[in-house]
Structure formats: structure tokens, C-alpha cells
Protein backbone atom coordinates (compact mmCIF):
# COMPACT_ATOMS: atom_id res chain seq x y z
CA MET A 1 67.03 100.57 192.55
CA THR A 2 66.75 97.33 194.53
CA ASP A 3 69.78 95.44 195.79
CA ALA A 4 69.09 92.72 193.24
CA GLU A 5 69.00 95.26 190.40
CA PHE A 6 72.19 96.87 191.68
CA ARG A 7 74.02 93.53 191.74
CA HIS A 8 72.68 92.69 188.28
CA HIS A 9 74.04 95.98 186.89
CA LEU A 10 77.42 95.34 188.51
CA GLU A 11 77.67 91.90 186.93
CA SER A 12 76.67 93.35 183.56
CA LEU A 13 79.37 96.02 183.75
CA LYS A 14 81.94 93.45 184.82
CA ARG A 15 81.02 91.38 181.77
CA VAL A 16 81.07 94.17 179.16
CA GLY A 17 84.34 95.52 180.51
CA ALA A 18 86.05 98.75 181.44
CA SER A 19 86.55 100.06 177.90
CA THR A 20 82.85 99.82 177.07
CA VAL A 21 81.99 101.46 180.39
CA HIS A 22 84.46 104.26 179.66
CA GLU A 23 82.75 104.93 176.32
CA ALA A 24 79.29 104.80 177.92
CA LEU A 25 80.50 107.39 180.42
CA GLY A 26 81.49 109.75 177.64
CA GLN A 27 85.18 108.86 177.98
CA ARG A 28 85.24 110.15 181.54
CA GLY A 29 86.31 108.38 184.73
CA TYR A 30 89.71 107.40 183.36
CA VAL A 31 92.26 106.10 185.85
CA ASP A 32 95.99 106.17 185.03
CA SER A 33 96.65 102.98 183.06
CA ALA A 34 99.84 102.36 185.05
CA ILE A 35 97.51 101.02 187.76
CA ALA A 36 96.93 97.51 186.44
CA PRO A 37 95.66 94.14 187.69
CA LEU A 38 98.17 91.71 189.15
CA ASP A 39 96.29 88.96 187.33
CA PRO A 40 95.37 90.03 183.77
CA ASP A 41 92.18 87.94 183.94
CA THR A 42 90.86 89.98 186.88
CA ARG A 43 87.46 91.67 186.53
CA ILE A 44 85.93 93.86 189.25
CA ALA A 45 82.86 96.02 189.74
CA GLY A 46 81.72 97.44 193.06
CA ARG A 47 81.22 100.44 195.31
CA ALA A 48 84.33 102.40 196.25
CA PHE A 49 85.40 102.44 199.89
CA THR A 50 88.02 105.17 199.75
CA VAL A 51 91.25 105.45 201.73
CA ASP A 52 93.47 108.53 201.99
CA SER A 53 96.74 106.98 203.16
CA GLN A 54 100.15 108.34 203.95
CA PRO A 55 102.81 106.93 201.61
CA ALA A 56 104.73 103.97 203.04
CA ASP A 57 102.13 103.45 205.81
CA ASN A 58 99.07 101.18 205.69
CA LEU A 59 97.34 101.82 209.01
CA MET A 60 94.30 103.29 207.25
CA MET A 61 94.06 100.25 204.99
CA HIS A 62 93.80 97.96 208.02
CA TYR A 63 91.07 100.25 209.32
CA ALA A 64 89.26 100.21 205.98
CA ILE A 65 89.26 96.40 205.80
CA SER A 66 87.57 96.32 209.21
CA LEU A 67 84.81 98.68 208.02
CA ALA A 68 84.17 97.90 204.35
CA GLN A 69 81.08 95.94 203.38
CA PRO A 70 80.94 92.77 201.26
CA GLY A 71 81.40 93.62 197.60
CA ASP A 72 83.08 96.97 198.27
CA ILE A 73 86.26 97.86 196.39
CA ILE A 74 88.89 99.43 198.65
CA VAL A 75 90.41 102.34 196.69
CA VAL A 76 93.66 103.63 198.18
CA ASP A 77 95.36 106.94 197.44
CA TYR A 78 98.85 105.75 198.40
CA LYS A 79 100.44 108.80 196.78
CA ARG A 80 102.09 106.69 194.05
CA CYS A 81 104.49 105.31 196.65
CA MET A 82 106.70 102.59 195.17
CA HIS A 83 109.37 102.23 197.88
CA ALA A 84 107.12 100.41 200.39
CA ALA A 85 104.24 98.04 199.67
CA ALA A 86 100.79 99.14 200.76
CA THR A 87 99.49 95.61 201.24
CA GLY A 88 100.39 91.95 200.91
CA ASP A 89 98.93 88.47 201.14
CA ILE A 90 97.76 88.63 204.78
CA MET A 91 95.75 91.82 204.27
CA ALA A 92 94.41 90.49 200.97
CA PHE A 93 93.34 87.30 202.74
CA ALA A 94 91.67 89.33 205.50
CA ALA A 95 89.80 91.40 202.90
CA GLN A 96 88.80 88.31 200.93
CA SER A 97 87.55 86.64 204.11
CA ARG A 98 85.26 89.60 204.77
CA GLY A 99 83.79 89.41 201.25
CA ILE A 100 85.46 92.59 200.01
CA GLY A 101 85.41 92.74 196.21
CA GLY A 102 88.98 93.87 195.63
CA MET A 103 91.64 96.46 196.37
CA VAL A 104 93.05 99.07 194.01
CA VAL A 105 96.16 100.91 195.14
CA ASP A 106 97.92 103.93 193.67
CA GLY A 107 101.29 102.51 194.62
CA ALA A 108 103.06 99.21 195.22
CA ILE A 109 102.00 95.92 196.82
CA ARG A 110 103.92 92.75 197.66
CA ASP A 111 103.39 88.96 197.91
CA ALA A 112 102.07 89.19 194.38
CA ALA A 113 102.23 85.47 193.60
CA GLN A 114 100.30 84.56 196.75
CA VAL A 115 97.67 87.22 196.12
CA VAL A 116 97.12 85.99 192.57
CA ALA A 117 96.97 82.37 193.76
CA MET A 118 94.20 83.15 196.25
CA GLY A 119 92.15 84.78 193.49
CA PHE A 120 91.70 88.11 195.25
CA PRO A 121 91.50 91.07 192.82
CA VAL A 122 94.25 93.65 193.28
CA PHE A 123 95.22 96.53 190.99
CA CYS A 124 98.43 98.48 191.65
CA ARG A 125 101.35 100.32 190.01
CA GLY A 126 103.82 97.52 190.69
CA VAL A 127 105.47 95.48 193.41
CA CYS A 128 107.99 96.16 196.16
CA VAL A 129 109.56 93.82 198.74
CA THR A 130 109.71 96.48 201.46
CA GLY A 131 106.86 96.66 203.97
CA PRO A 132 105.16 99.81 205.32
CA THR A 133 104.78 101.26 208.79
CA LYS A 134 101.43 101.14 210.60
CA LYS A 135 101.27 104.34 212.60
CA LEU A 136 100.45 107.40 210.49
CA PRO A 137 97.10 109.19 210.35
CA GLY A 138 94.83 109.29 207.32
CA LYS A 139 91.16 109.17 206.40
CA VAL A 140 88.60 106.70 205.12
CA ASN A 141 85.39 107.25 203.14
CA VAL A 142 86.37 110.72 201.95
CA PRO A 143 86.83 112.07 198.40
CA ILE A 144 90.27 111.17 197.08
CA THR A 145 92.32 111.60 193.92
CA PHE A 146 93.23 108.20 192.56
CA GLY A 147 95.33 107.81 189.43
CA GLY A 148 94.32 111.28 188.32
CA CYS A 149 90.60 110.63 188.85
CA THR A 150 88.40 111.97 191.64
CA VAL A 151 86.75 109.12 193.54
CA ASN A 152 83.97 109.67 196.05
CA PRO A 153 82.76 107.09 198.56
CA GLY A 154 80.08 104.97 196.90
CA ASP A 155 81.19 105.65 193.33
CA ILE A 156 81.31 102.55 191.16
CA VAL A 157 84.70 101.12 190.19
CA VAL A 158 84.94 98.85 187.14
CA GLY A 159 88.22 97.24 186.18
CA ASP A 160 89.83 94.57 184.02
CA ARG A 161 92.91 94.06 181.86
CA ASP A 162 92.18 97.33 180.02
CA GLY A 163 92.30 99.39 183.21
CA LEU A 164 90.01 101.08 185.73
CA VAL A 165 87.03 103.38 185.26
CA VAL A 166 85.14 105.26 187.98
CA ILE A 167 81.41 105.96 187.56
CA PRO A 168 79.87 108.70 189.74
CA ALA A 169 77.26 107.02 191.94
CA ALA A 170 74.45 109.24 190.63
CA GLU A 171 75.14 108.14 187.04
CA PHE A 172 75.45 104.41 187.69
CA GLU A 173 72.06 103.30 186.40
CA ASP A 174 72.25 105.39 183.22
CA VAL A 175 75.81 104.29 182.47
CA ALA A 176 74.88 100.64 183.00
CA ARG A 177 72.06 101.01 180.47
CA LEU A 178 74.27 102.81 177.93
CA ALA A 179 77.05 100.25 178.33
CA LEU A 180 74.68 97.38 177.61
CA GLU A 181 73.29 99.22 174.58
CA ARG A 182 76.82 99.74 173.28
CA ASP A 183 77.64 96.08 173.86
CA LEU A 184 74.58 95.01 171.83
CA LYS A 185 75.47 97.47 169.07
CA GLU A 186 78.98 96.05 168.84
CA ALA A 187 77.55 92.53 168.63
CA GLY A 188 75.55 93.72 165.61
CA ILE A 189 78.68 95.19 164.03
CA ARG A 190 80.47 91.87 164.37
CA LYS A 191 77.64 90.12 162.56
CA LYS A 192 77.87 92.62 159.69
CA ILE A 193 81.63 92.08 159.47
CA GLU A 194 81.04 88.33 159.32
CA ALA A 195 78.61 89.00 156.45
CA GLY A 196 81.33 90.82 154.50
CA ALA A 197 81.03 94.50 155.51
CA THR A 198 84.20 96.50 156.10
CA THR A 199 84.86 98.76 159.06
CA VAL A 200 85.34 101.62 156.57
CA GLU A 201 81.70 101.16 155.52
CA LEU A 202 80.32 100.53 158.99
CA PHE A 203 81.99 103.54 160.58
CA GLY A 204 81.39 105.87 157.64
CA LEU A 205 85.09 106.49 157.00
CA GLY A 206 84.93 106.65 153.20
CA GLU A 207 84.61 110.43 152.90
CA THR A 208 87.47 111.07 155.34
CA LEU A 209 89.69 108.69 153.38
CA ARG A 210 88.76 110.39 150.09
CA LYS A 211 89.65 113.81 151.50
CA LEU A 212 93.05 112.39 152.41
CA GLY A 213 93.48 111.18 148.84
CA LEU A 214 93.11 107.52 149.75
């Protein structure tokens, strides 16, 4: 796959959305829905740059921002820590300035209003005014568990208001194709509904309803 094809697939997945991608992946790759976008209009799609961080310490996140490539999504296993923010507006600005595609954190962040105002995509469990330390060891670009989902470096992360989905890198091209096929199929269903069809007819639910005495 060329770089141009890769970017095209990413934009397609960003457009069709996380729910369609989740279905195309066979309902796999689910990330805990408590990890949500600060800005509900946020849409992301990009390669995962993983961070295994100690809770209440963001040293490894600073390191990751210095290494990640443009378009990468920094994915942080912050151990669900909610008593100290993993990142704030300065780190988000630094990441945005380097062309990083977003940050997703299994824990809290702060400076939420400023981060939303700058238009940098951030997903997290919530916010916290307390800042972290910057001294504890961790790892970058290693397999992590994030929101109950295994994420490997280079996996594809897709996210929007519905949540986050992780596509194994080896399945990216196939999932992109299946997601677009599903999107086209759903467009056809909408046209049939506009023409008067019911969802009972379109989804073949009549027999199930009859068995239930309805």
C-alpha cells in the first residue's frame, strides 16, 4: 500500500466513523466507552504510538511526543488514573505543533477548554486539576492494554463521538474495504426507507416478531 493509499483509507475511516469500523472488524477492537472525546465533534484515524506510563506521571508522554511521527495517535496506558492529569494544553500544543494526529489517554487530562479551543483531538476518561510528576520510568512503542483492548505499535486507531476502535495493522486494508462497503449498503437502506420500506422488512424481522406473538 502506498502512502497516498494509506492516507486515503484513513480519511475514509474517519468519515464513516467508529461504529461502522467496529462492525467491519467483526465487533472487535472495542475500547471502553468511558474514554471519550473532549470535543464531541472530534474525529481521528491514525497509527498508534503507544505509551506505557506510570499513573500520575507523564515523563513517557513527553518522550513520546518527541518521537512520534506526523499523523500518529499517541495512545497512553495511564492505568485509569484520575487523581492527576496525564497531559494539558502545553503538551497538546507541542504535539499539535509536531503534526501528531491526537492523544488518547486511559485516565484524566486538564486544561480541557484550552485543548478544545486549539482543535487538538484528545480522548480521555475525564478531567482533573492536579498535575503529574515527570520522573518515573515507563516504555514507548510496546504492546499495551488500553481501555480493555490490546494495542500494538502501528495499529490503527479510529475515534469519534461513538468511541474508539483499534484495528490490527495487518487487517487495516481489509477493514477499510469492508467499512466502505457497509457504508454504501447503509446508504441503500436509507433510500429504501425513503421509498416507504420498514426496517422490519429490510432486516427480515417479521418471522422473529411472529414467533413472539407480535
